Protein backbone atom coordinates (compact mmCIF):
# COMPACT_ATOMS: atom_id res chain seq x y z
CA UNK A 1 0.00 0.00 0.00
CA UNK A 2 1.28 3.45 -0.86
CA UNK A 3 2.03 5.80 1.97
CA UNK A 4 -0.14 8.93 2.10
CA UNK A 5 3.00 10.89 2.94
CA UNK A 6 4.87 11.38 -0.30
CA UNK A 7 8.11 13.24 -0.76
CA UNK A 8 7.96 16.45 -2.77
CA UNK A 9 10.39 15.06 -5.38
CA UNK A 10 7.99 12.19 -6.06
CA UNK A 11 5.12 14.63 -6.61
CA UNK A 12 7.18 16.68 -9.07
CA UNK A 13 8.17 13.56 -10.96
CA UNK A 14 4.68 12.12 -11.03
CA UNK A 15 2.88 15.33 -12.02
CA UNK A 16 3.27 14.79 -15.79
CA UNK A 17 2.08 11.19 -15.53
CA UNK A 18 -0.77 12.37 -13.32
CA UNK A 19 -1.86 14.75 -16.09
CA UNK A 20 -1.53 11.91 -18.59
CA UNK A 21 -3.70 9.71 -16.35
CA UNK A 22 -6.33 12.44 -16.13
CA UNK A 23 -6.43 12.71 -19.93
CA UNK A 24 -6.77 8.93 -20.12
CA UNK A 25 -9.72 9.17 -17.70
CA UNK A 26 -11.46 11.52 -20.13
CA UNK A 27 -10.83 9.01 -22.90
CA UNK A 28 -11.97 6.07 -20.75
CA UNK A 29 -15.22 7.76 -19.78
CA UNK A 30 -15.94 8.79 -23.36
CA UNK A 31 -15.23 5.26 -24.60
CA UNK A 32 -17.49 3.80 -21.90
CA UNK A 33 -20.35 6.15 -22.73
CA UNK A 34 -19.93 5.40 -26.44
CA UNK A 35 -19.98 1.68 -25.61
CA UNK A 36 -23.25 2.15 -23.73
CA UNK A 37 -24.63 4.19 -26.62
CA UNK A 38 -23.72 1.43 -29.10
CA UNK A 39 -25.52 -1.08 -26.90
CA UNK A 40 -28.68 1.02 -26.76
CA UNK A 41 -28.65 1.68 -30.51
CA UNK A 42 -28.19 -2.09 -30.94
CA UNK A 43 -31.55 -2.55 -29.18
CA UNK A 44 -33.41 0.37 -30.74
CA UNK A 45 -32.24 0.46 -34.34
CA UNK A 46 -34.90 -0.26 -36.97
CA UNK A 47 -34.47 -0.36 -40.70
CA UNK A 48 -34.12 -2.59 -43.74
CA UNK A 49 -30.53 -3.31 -42.73
CA UNK A 50 -31.51 -4.11 -39.13
CA UNK A 51 -29.76 -7.46 -38.86
CA UNK A 52 -26.39 -6.27 -40.17
CA UNK A 53 -26.45 -3.09 -38.03
CA UNK A 54 -27.61 -5.09 -35.00
CA UNK A 55 -24.71 -7.55 -35.44
CA UNK A 56 -22.16 -4.78 -36.13
CA UNK A 57 -23.16 -2.86 -33.01
CA UNK A 58 -22.93 -5.99 -30.86
CA UNK A 59 -19.33 -6.40 -32.01
CA UNK A 60 -18.77 -2.68 -31.42
CA UNK A 61 -20.02 -2.57 -27.85
CA UNK A 62 -18.03 -5.71 -27.00
CA UNK A 63 -14.89 -4.15 -28.53
CA UNK A 64 -15.44 -0.80 -26.81
CA UNK A 65 -15.81 -2.55 -23.47
CA UNK A 66 -12.43 -4.22 -24.06
CA UNK A 67 -10.93 -0.82 -24.91
CA UNK A 68 -12.40 0.69 -21.75
CA UNK A 69 -10.72 -2.07 -19.75
CA UNK A 70 -7.38 -1.50 -21.48
CA UNK A 71 -7.49 2.25 -20.88
CA UNK A 72 -8.38 1.67 -17.23
CA UNK A 73 -5.37 -0.61 -16.87
CA UNK A 74 -3.11 2.08 -18.36
CA UNK A 75 -4.53 4.60 -15.88
CA UNK A 76 -3.74 2.20 -13.03
CA UNK A 77 -0.24 1.57 -14.45
CA UNK A 78 0.35 5.29 -13.89
CA UNK A 79 -0.58 4.74 -10.23
CA UNK A 80 -3.80 6.69 -10.64
CA UNK A 81 -7.27 5.57 -9.59
CA UNK A 82 -10.30 5.03 -11.79
CA UNK A 83 -13.65 6.41 -10.57
CA UNK A 84 -15.62 3.97 -8.44
CA UNK A 85 -19.03 4.54 -10.03
CA UNK A 86 -20.73 5.52 -13.27
CA UNK A 87 -21.45 9.01 -11.92
CA UNK A 88 -17.77 9.69 -11.30
CA UNK A 89 -16.92 8.33 -14.70
CA UNK A 90 -19.58 10.41 -16.43
CA UNK A 91 -18.23 13.56 -14.74
CA UNK A 92 -14.93 12.94 -16.57
CA UNK A 93 -16.54 12.54 -20.01
CA UNK A 94 -15.44 14.86 -22.81
CA UNK A 95 -17.79 17.83 -23.15
CA UNK A 96 -18.18 17.30 -26.91
CA UNK A 97 -19.83 13.89 -26.48
CA UNK A 98 -23.12 13.75 -28.39
CA UNK A 99 -26.24 12.10 -27.02
CA UNK A 100 -28.71 10.35 -29.30
CA UNK A 101 -31.86 12.46 -29.44
CA UNK A 102 -33.95 10.53 -31.96
CA UNK A 103 -35.10 6.99 -32.65
CA UNK A 104 -34.46 7.53 -36.35
CA UNK A 105 -31.88 4.91 -37.34
CA UNK A 106 -29.81 7.23 -39.52
CA UNK A 107 -29.68 9.88 -36.80
CA UNK A 108 -28.65 7.29 -34.21
CA UNK A 109 -25.80 6.09 -36.41
CA UNK A 110 -24.75 9.65 -37.31
CA UNK A 111 -24.49 10.52 -33.61
CA UNK A 112 -22.56 7.33 -32.91
CA UNK A 113 -20.21 8.23 -35.77
CA UNK A 114 -19.52 11.66 -34.25
CA UNK A 115 -18.60 10.00 -30.96
CA UNK A 116 -16.27 7.53 -32.68
CA UNK A 117 -14.53 10.47 -34.32
CA UNK A 118 -14.33 12.21 -30.94
CA UNK A 119 -12.64 9.16 -29.40
CA UNK A 120 -10.00 9.28 -32.12
CA UNK A 121 -9.45 13.03 -31.62
CA UNK A 122 -8.98 12.56 -27.88
CA UNK A 123 -6.68 9.57 -28.36
CA UNK A 124 -4.54 11.48 -30.88
CA UNK A 125 -4.04 14.38 -28.46
CA UNK A 126 -3.14 12.02 -25.62
CA UNK A 127 -0.83 10.02 -27.88
CA UNK A 128 1.29 13.14 -28.42
CA UNK A 129 1.49 13.79 -24.67
CA UNK A 130 2.38 10.15 -23.98
CA UNK A 131 5.16 10.26 -26.59
CA UNK A 132 6.58 13.43 -25.00
CA UNK A 133 6.68 11.61 -21.65
CA UNK A 134 8.29 8.57 -23.31
CA UNK A 135 5.29 6.44 -22.32
CA UNK A 136 5.66 4.48 -25.54
CA UNK A 137 3.36 1.67 -24.41
CA UNK A 138 0.50 4.13 -23.98
CA UNK A 139 1.34 6.05 -27.16
CA UNK A 140 1.43 2.82 -29.20
CA UNK A 141 -1.86 1.62 -27.71
CA UNK A 142 -3.55 4.93 -28.55
CA UNK A 143 -2.37 4.66 -32.16
CA UNK A 144 -3.87 1.18 -32.38
CA UNK A 145 -7.09 2.42 -30.78
CA UNK A 146 -7.38 5.13 -33.45
CA UNK A 147 -6.93 2.50 -36.14
CA UNK A 148 -9.78 0.40 -34.75
CA UNK A 149 -12.06 3.38 -34.21
CA UNK A 150 -11.36 4.77 -37.69
CA UNK A 151 -12.26 1.40 -39.20
CA UNK A 152 -15.55 1.35 -37.29
CA UNK A 153 -16.23 4.96 -38.38
CA UNK A 154 -15.64 3.97 -42.01
CA UNK A 155 -18.16 1.13 -41.65
CA UNK A 156 -20.78 3.46 -40.14
CA UNK A 157 -20.18 6.02 -42.92
CA UNK A 158 -20.59 3.30 -45.57
CA UNK A 159 -23.84 2.20 -43.91
CA UNK A 160 -25.15 5.76 -43.82
CA UNK A 161 -24.30 6.30 -47.50
CA UNK A 162 -26.18 3.16 -48.52
CA UNK A 163 -29.13 3.57 -46.12
């Protein structure tokens, strides 16, 4: 267990990683809320392409849950705590997150797409900070996350173009 009394030198050294952890918390909470959104769209989506969208979103919310877990583990590797409840997590969410406001399938997917793009924007900003701090494991992970999210965004865009 860590001692509550920490030397000043340790605080100075850990401050940059603490800021990195806080940025990762914003990403984690945004990923988690997007995961929940994908799950709800999965239930509520209606359209001629229902089955394919339903299946795609199931894969998406499973994948986003895995990403949330990975980000949480990176936060903990920086010796920083994750929130203990959904309320604490939601307080950390990026302010640009978009909520679904319609049961129209196209609007649901368009909103989900905006949040996927937001995840990538956040991850790209954090990736630069992680690289500056020589946290190459985190920087590499964030690059991979962007690749996965960009692929999902492409699939949603293709669905919206055809729908």
